[in-house]
């Protein structure tokens, strides 16, 4: 049933910082100091403030989240808690729970589970990077072979560039002028 109702795409991220002037950031991300620091007002960005996940509404597929810095043990405990909330799913897919072919509450719960896992995956980082004070703008794509992006979407076409001898895929997103400082 789920295959008819879900399309898991790839999350694309733009990593930002709450701190505009950290030496390690300049060295690591600005070609050893040859770069610029552009400020922005997160309140003026037109992005969803919620769980990153698999949502057909383009507004809910672009999120801005503060990064949580956790070691692997904390992440594993959190993942176990998320998975335990959905323990009935295995029974559902082992046909122990009677279901219909329609999208039902079990499929909805699976979508929620996937969204929670995607959110955890895209908003956590090792505590060794805590000084970065990272904020991550994440765009969760859909399977473009199955869904058309609506005209109202501010993000449409997947683009490509070459960086360090690799082909990098990306999406362009314009920031509102009054959000940039």
C-alpha atoms as a PDB file:
ATOM      1  CA  UNK A   1       0.000   0.000   0.000  1.00  0.00           C
ATOM      2  CA  UNK A   2       2.751   2.363   0.935  1.00  0.00           C
ATOM      3  CA  UNK A   3       4.345   2.326  -2.518  1.00  0.00           C
ATOM      4  CA  UNK A   4       1.235   4.013  -3.905  1.00  0.00           C
ATOM      5  CA  UNK A   5       1.336   6.822  -1.362  1.00  0.00           C
ATOM      6  CA  UNK A   6       4.949   7.655  -0.684  1.00  0.00           C
ATOM      7  CA  UNK A   7       7.924   8.932  -2.563  1.00  0.00           C
ATOM      8  CA  UNK A   8      11.172   9.234  -0.672  1.00  0.00           C
ATOM      9  CA  UNK A   9      13.618  11.610  -2.270  1.00  0.00           C
ATOM     10  CA  UNK A  10      17.004  12.960  -1.306  1.00  0.00           C
ATOM     11  CA  UNK A  11      17.534  15.672   1.307  1.00  0.00           C
ATOM     12  CA  UNK A  12      19.654  18.602   0.088  1.00  0.00           C
ATOM     13  CA  UNK A  13      21.234  20.838   2.735  1.00  0.00           C
ATOM     14  CA  UNK A  14      22.653  24.331   2.980  1.00  0.00           C
ATOM     15  CA  UNK A  15      24.717  24.645   6.148  1.00  0.00           C
ATOM     16  CA  UNK A  16      24.816  28.019   7.875  1.00  0.00           C
ATOM     17  CA  UNK A  17      26.103  29.280  11.211  1.00  0.00           C
ATOM     18  CA  UNK A  18      24.713  31.450  13.995  1.00  0.00           C
ATOM     19  CA  UNK A  19      28.224  32.829  14.425  1.00  0.00           C
ATOM     20  CA  UNK A  20      29.598  34.837  11.513  1.00  0.00           C
ATOM     21  CA  UNK A  21      33.237  34.951  12.556  1.00  0.00           C
ATOM     22  CA  UNK A  22      34.844  31.726  13.798  1.00  0.00           C
ATOM     23  CA  UNK A  23      38.411  31.081  12.640  1.00  0.00           C
ATOM     24  CA  UNK A  24      37.831  27.348  12.142  1.00  0.00           C
ATOM     25  CA  UNK A  25      34.865  28.137   9.878  1.00  0.00           C
ATOM     26  CA  UNK A  26      36.932  30.515   7.754  1.00  0.00           C
ATOM     27  CA  UNK A  27      39.697  27.946   7.407  1.00  0.00           C
ATOM     28  CA  UNK A  28      37.468  24.971   6.666  1.00  0.00           C
ATOM     29  CA  UNK A  29      34.747  26.481   4.514  1.00  0.00           C
ATOM     30  CA  UNK A  30      36.043  29.762   3.039  1.00  0.00           C
ATOM     31  CA  UNK A  31      39.206  28.623   1.249  1.00  0.00           C
ATOM     32  CA  UNK A  32      41.362  29.424   4.278  1.00  0.00           C
ATOM     33  CA  UNK A  33      39.899  32.877   4.831  1.00  0.00           C
ATOM     34  CA  UNK A  34      39.194  33.922   1.248  1.00  0.00           C
ATOM     35  CA  UNK A  35      35.434  34.185   1.492  1.00  0.00           C
ATOM     36  CA  UNK A  36      32.591  36.290   2.792  1.00  0.00           C
ATOM     37  CA  UNK A  37      30.203  36.011   5.696  1.00  0.00           C
ATOM     38  CA  UNK A  38      26.625  36.841   4.761  1.00  0.00           C
ATOM     39  CA  UNK A  39      24.141  37.372   7.565  1.00  0.00           C
ATOM     40  CA  UNK A  40      20.463  36.538   7.402  1.00  0.00           C
ATOM     41  CA  UNK A  41      17.354  37.030   9.500  1.00  0.00           C
ATOM     42  CA  UNK A  42      15.788  33.603   9.931  1.00  0.00           C
ATOM     43  CA  UNK A  43      12.422  35.155  10.807  1.00  0.00           C
ATOM     44  CA  UNK A  44      12.226  36.660   7.317  1.00  0.00           C
ATOM     45  CA  UNK A  45      12.982  33.438   5.478  1.00  0.00           C
ATOM     46  CA  UNK A  46       9.859  31.809   4.115  1.00  0.00           C
ATOM     47  CA  UNK A  47      10.577  28.296   5.374  1.00  0.00           C
ATOM     48  CA  UNK A  48       8.733  25.714   7.440  1.00  0.00           C
ATOM     49  CA  UNK A  49       9.745  25.355  11.074  1.00  0.00           C
ATOM     50  CA  UNK A  50       8.957  21.734  11.801  1.00  0.00           C
ATOM     51  CA  UNK A  51       9.843  18.123  11.177  1.00  0.00           C
ATOM     52  CA  UNK A  52      11.762  17.508   7.973  1.00  0.00           C
ATOM     53  CA  UNK A  53      10.078  14.743   6.109  1.00  0.00           C
ATOM     54  CA  UNK A  54       8.261  13.307   3.204  1.00  0.00           C
ATOM     55  CA  UNK A  55       5.507  15.797   2.457  1.00  0.00           C
ATOM     56  CA  UNK A  56       3.816  16.573  -0.853  1.00  0.00           C
ATOM     57  CA  UNK A  57       3.364  20.230   0.118  1.00  0.00           C
ATOM     58  CA  UNK A  58       6.496  22.094  -1.070  1.00  0.00           C
ATOM     59  CA  UNK A  59       6.195  24.496   1.892  1.00  0.00           C
ATOM     60  CA  UNK A  60       6.774  21.589   4.288  1.00  0.00           C
ATOM     61  CA  UNK A  61       9.738  20.174   2.393  1.00  0.00           C
ATOM     62  CA  UNK A  62      11.967  23.205   3.007  1.00  0.00           C
ATOM     63  CA  UNK A  63      12.941  23.595   6.655  1.00  0.00           C
ATOM     64  CA  UNK A  64      15.422  25.565   8.730  1.00  0.00           C
ATOM     65  CA  UNK A  65      16.602  23.815  11.885  1.00  0.00           C
ATOM     66  CA  UNK A  66      19.215  24.339  14.553  1.00  0.00           C
ATOM     67  CA  UNK A  67      21.611  21.405  14.620  1.00  0.00           C
ATOM     68  CA  UNK A  68      21.637  19.208  17.727  1.00  0.00           C
ATOM     69  CA  UNK A  69      25.092  18.021  18.701  1.00  0.00           C
ATOM     70  CA  UNK A  70      24.925  14.455  20.008  1.00  0.00           C
ATOM     71  CA  UNK A  71      27.334  11.582  20.335  1.00  0.00           C
ATOM     72  CA  UNK A  72      26.474   8.259  18.731  1.00  0.00           C
ATOM     73  CA  UNK A  73      25.094   6.730  21.956  1.00  0.00           C
ATOM     74  CA  UNK A  74      22.554   9.533  22.374  1.00  0.00           C
ATOM     75  CA  UNK A  75      21.535   9.263  18.716  1.00  0.00           C
ATOM     76  CA  UNK A  76      21.085   5.488  19.030  1.00  0.00           C
ATOM     77  CA  UNK A  77      18.910   5.909  22.152  1.00  0.00           C
ATOM     78  CA  UNK A  78      16.807   8.533  20.399  1.00  0.00           C
ATOM     79  CA  UNK A  79      16.420   6.312  17.317  1.00  0.00           C
ATOM     80  CA  UNK A  80      15.371   3.384  19.535  1.00  0.00           C
ATOM     81  CA  UNK A  81      12.715   5.560  21.190  1.00  0.00           C
ATOM     82  CA  UNK A  82      11.398   6.649  17.801  1.00  0.00           C
ATOM     83  CA  UNK A  83      11.299   3.056  16.533  1.00  0.00           C
ATOM     84  CA  UNK A  84       9.635   1.734  19.705  1.00  0.00           C
ATOM     85  CA  UNK A  85       6.715   4.133  19.182  1.00  0.00           C
ATOM     86  CA  UNK A  86       6.031   2.340  15.916  1.00  0.00           C
ATOM     87  CA  UNK A  87       6.570  -1.296  16.948  1.00  0.00           C
ATOM     88  CA  UNK A  88       3.151  -2.310  15.595  1.00  0.00           C
ATOM     89  CA  UNK A  89       4.322  -1.613  12.031  1.00  0.00           C
ATOM     90  CA  UNK A  90       6.163  -4.935  11.806  1.00  0.00           C
ATOM     91  CA  UNK A  91       2.954  -6.785  12.732  1.00  0.00           C
ATOM     92  CA  UNK A  92       1.080  -4.776  10.132  1.00  0.00           C
ATOM     93  CA  UNK A  93       3.459  -5.779   7.389  1.00  0.00           C
ATOM     94  CA  UNK A  94       3.553  -9.377   8.559  1.00  0.00           C
ATOM     95  CA  UNK A  95      -0.238  -9.372   7.929  1.00  0.00           C
ATOM     96  CA  UNK A  96      -1.057  -9.842  11.590  1.00  0.00           C
ATOM     97  CA  UNK A  97      -3.203  -6.741  11.445  1.00  0.00           C
ATOM     98  CA  UNK A  98      -6.076  -6.787   8.975  1.00  0.00           C
ATOM     99  CA  UNK A  99      -5.893  -3.902   6.549  1.00  0.00           C
ATOM    100  CA  UNK A 100      -7.405  -2.668   3.339  1.00  0.00           C
ATOM    101  CA  UNK A 101      -5.648  -1.676   0.152  1.00  0.00           C
ATOM    102  CA  UNK A 102      -6.417   1.970   0.848  1.00  0.00           C
ATOM    103  CA  UNK A 103      -4.057   4.402   2.508  1.00  0.00           C
ATOM    104  CA  UNK A 104      -4.840   3.862   6.177  1.00  0.00           C
ATOM    105  CA  UNK A 105      -3.657   4.908   9.607  1.00  0.00           C
ATOM    106  CA  UNK A 106      -0.810   2.380   9.560  1.00  0.00           C
ATOM    107  CA  UNK A 107       0.550   3.851   6.355  1.00  0.00           C
ATOM    108  CA  UNK A 108       0.218   7.305   7.920  1.00  0.00           C
ATOM    109  CA  UNK A 109       2.227   6.102  10.916  1.00  0.00           C
ATOM    110  CA  UNK A 110       4.915   4.763   8.587  1.00  0.00           C
ATOM    111  CA  UNK A 111       5.115   8.171   6.912  1.00  0.00           C
ATOM    112  CA  UNK A 112       5.508   9.750  10.359  1.00  0.00           C
ATOM    113  CA  UNK A 113       8.230   7.248  11.242  1.00  0.00           C
ATOM    114  CA  UNK A 114      10.111   8.005   8.023  1.00  0.00           C
ATOM    115  CA  UNK A 115       9.777  11.749   8.646  1.00  0.00           C
ATOM    116  CA  UNK A 116      11.154  11.369  12.175  1.00  0.00           C
ATOM    117  CA  UNK A 117      14.129   9.344  10.944  1.00  0.00           C
ATOM    118  CA  UNK A 118      14.864  11.810   8.119  1.00  0.00           C
ATOM    119  CA  UNK A 119      14.624  14.692  10.601  1.00  0.00           C
ATOM    120  CA  UNK A 120      17.011  13.003  13.051  1.00  0.00           C
ATOM    121  CA  UNK A 121      19.416  12.194  10.222  1.00  0.00           C
ATOM    122  CA  UNK A 122      19.504  15.754   8.870  1.00  0.00           C
ATOM    123  CA  UNK A 123      19.570  17.716  12.140  1.00  0.00           C
ATOM    124  CA  UNK A 124      22.196  15.961  14.270  1.00  0.00           C
ATOM    125  CA  UNK A 125      25.962  16.213  14.265  1.00  0.00           C
ATOM    126  CA  UNK A 126      28.918  15.041  16.324  1.00  0.00           C
ATOM    127  CA  UNK A 127      29.608  17.263  19.385  1.00  0.00           C
ATOM    128  CA  UNK A 128      33.160  17.872  18.105  1.00  0.00           C
ATOM    129  CA  UNK A 129      31.593  20.434  15.737  1.00  0.00           C
ATOM    130  CA  UNK A 130      29.571  22.279  18.395  1.00  0.00           C
ATOM    131  CA  UNK A 131      31.509  25.530  17.984  1.00  0.00           C
ATOM    132  CA  UNK A 132      30.057  25.838  14.470  1.00  0.00           C
ATOM    133  CA  UNK A 133      26.603  26.678  15.913  1.00  0.00           C
ATOM    134  CA  UNK A 134      25.143  25.258  12.727  1.00  0.00           C
ATOM    135  CA  UNK A 135      21.735  25.997  11.303  1.00  0.00           C
ATOM    136  CA  UNK A 136      20.732  23.762   8.419  1.00  0.00           C
ATOM    137  CA  UNK A 137      18.373  24.654   5.600  1.00  0.00           C
ATOM    138  CA  UNK A 138      17.124  21.309   4.259  1.00  0.00           C
ATOM    139  CA  UNK A 139      15.096  20.646   1.147  1.00  0.00           C
ATOM    140  CA  UNK A 140      13.537  17.168   1.090  1.00  0.00           C
ATOM    141  CA  UNK A 141      12.972  16.223  -2.546  1.00  0.00           C
ATOM    142  CA  UNK A 142      10.321  13.967  -3.981  1.00  0.00           C
ATOM    143  CA  UNK A 143      10.793  11.245  -6.533  1.00  0.00           C
ATOM    144  CA  UNK A 144      10.586  13.550  -9.556  1.00  0.00           C
ATOM    145  CA  UNK A 145       9.683  10.666 -11.817  1.00  0.00           C
ATOM    146  CA  UNK A 146       6.354  10.375 -10.023  1.00  0.00           C
ATOM    147  CA  UNK A 147       5.459  13.919  -8.968  1.00  0.00           C
ATOM    148  CA  UNK A 148       5.460  17.246 -10.737  1.00  0.00           C
ATOM    149  CA  UNK A 149       6.685  20.253  -8.802  1.00  0.00           C
ATOM    150  CA  UNK A 150       3.878  22.797  -8.582  1.00  0.00           C
ATOM    151  CA  UNK A 151       4.264  26.205 -10.222  1.00  0.00           C
ATOM    152  CA  UNK A 152       4.113  27.800  -6.764  1.00  0.00           C
ATOM    153  CA  UNK A 153       7.258  25.962  -5.670  1.00  0.00           C
ATOM    154  CA  UNK A 154      10.278  28.238  -5.222  1.00  0.00           C
ATOM    155  CA  UNK A 155      12.546  25.274  -5.943  1.00  0.00           C
ATOM    156  CA  UNK A 156      12.130  23.492  -9.249  1.00  0.00           C
ATOM    157  CA  UNK A 157      15.002  22.191 -11.301  1.00  0.00           C
ATOM    158  CA  UNK A 158      17.877  20.047 -10.143  1.00  0.00           C
ATOM    159  CA  UNK A 159      21.147  21.586 -11.319  1.00  0.00           C
ATOM    160  CA  UNK A 160      24.733  20.371 -11.500  1.00  0.00           C
ATOM    161  CA  UNK A 161      28.207  21.841 -11.027  1.00  0.00           C
ATOM    162  CA  UNK A 162      31.739  20.518 -10.801  1.00  0.00           C
ATOM    163  CA  UNK A 163      33.628  20.887  -7.519  1.00  0.00           C
ATOM    164  CA  UNK A 164      36.893  19.152  -6.615  1.00  0.00           C
ATOM    165  CA  UNK A 165      36.601  17.023  -9.762  1.00  0.00           C
ATOM    166  CA  UNK A 166      33.171  15.711  -8.744  1.00  0.00           C
ATOM    167  CA  UNK A 167      29.732  16.358 -10.185  1.00  0.00           C
ATOM    168  CA  UNK A 168      27.581  17.926  -7.478  1.00  0.00           C
ATOM    169  CA  UNK A 169      23.793  18.126  -7.724  1.00  0.00           C
ATOM    170  CA  UNK A 170      22.021  21.084  -6.120  1.00  0.00           C
ATOM    171  CA  UNK A 171      18.927  23.255  -6.100  1.00  0.00           C
ATOM    172  CA  UNK A 172      18.929  27.045  -6.178  1.00  0.00           C
ATOM    173  CA  UNK A 173      16.914  28.962  -3.613  1.00  0.00           C
ATOM    174  CA  UNK A 174      16.658  32.727  -3.543  1.00  0.00           C
ATOM    175  CA  UNK A 175      16.583  34.463  -0.177  1.00  0.00           C
ATOM    176  CA  UNK A 176      14.210  37.423   0.218  1.00  0.00           C
ATOM    177  CA  UNK A 177      16.245  40.657   0.020  1.00  0.00           C
ATOM    178  CA  UNK A 178      15.047  41.836   3.417  1.00  0.00           C
ATOM    179  CA  UNK A 179      16.284  38.571   4.995  1.00  0.00           C
ATOM    180  CA  UNK A 180      19.919  39.186   4.000  1.00  0.00           C
ATOM    181  CA  UNK A 181      22.071  41.516   6.083  1.00  0.00           C
END
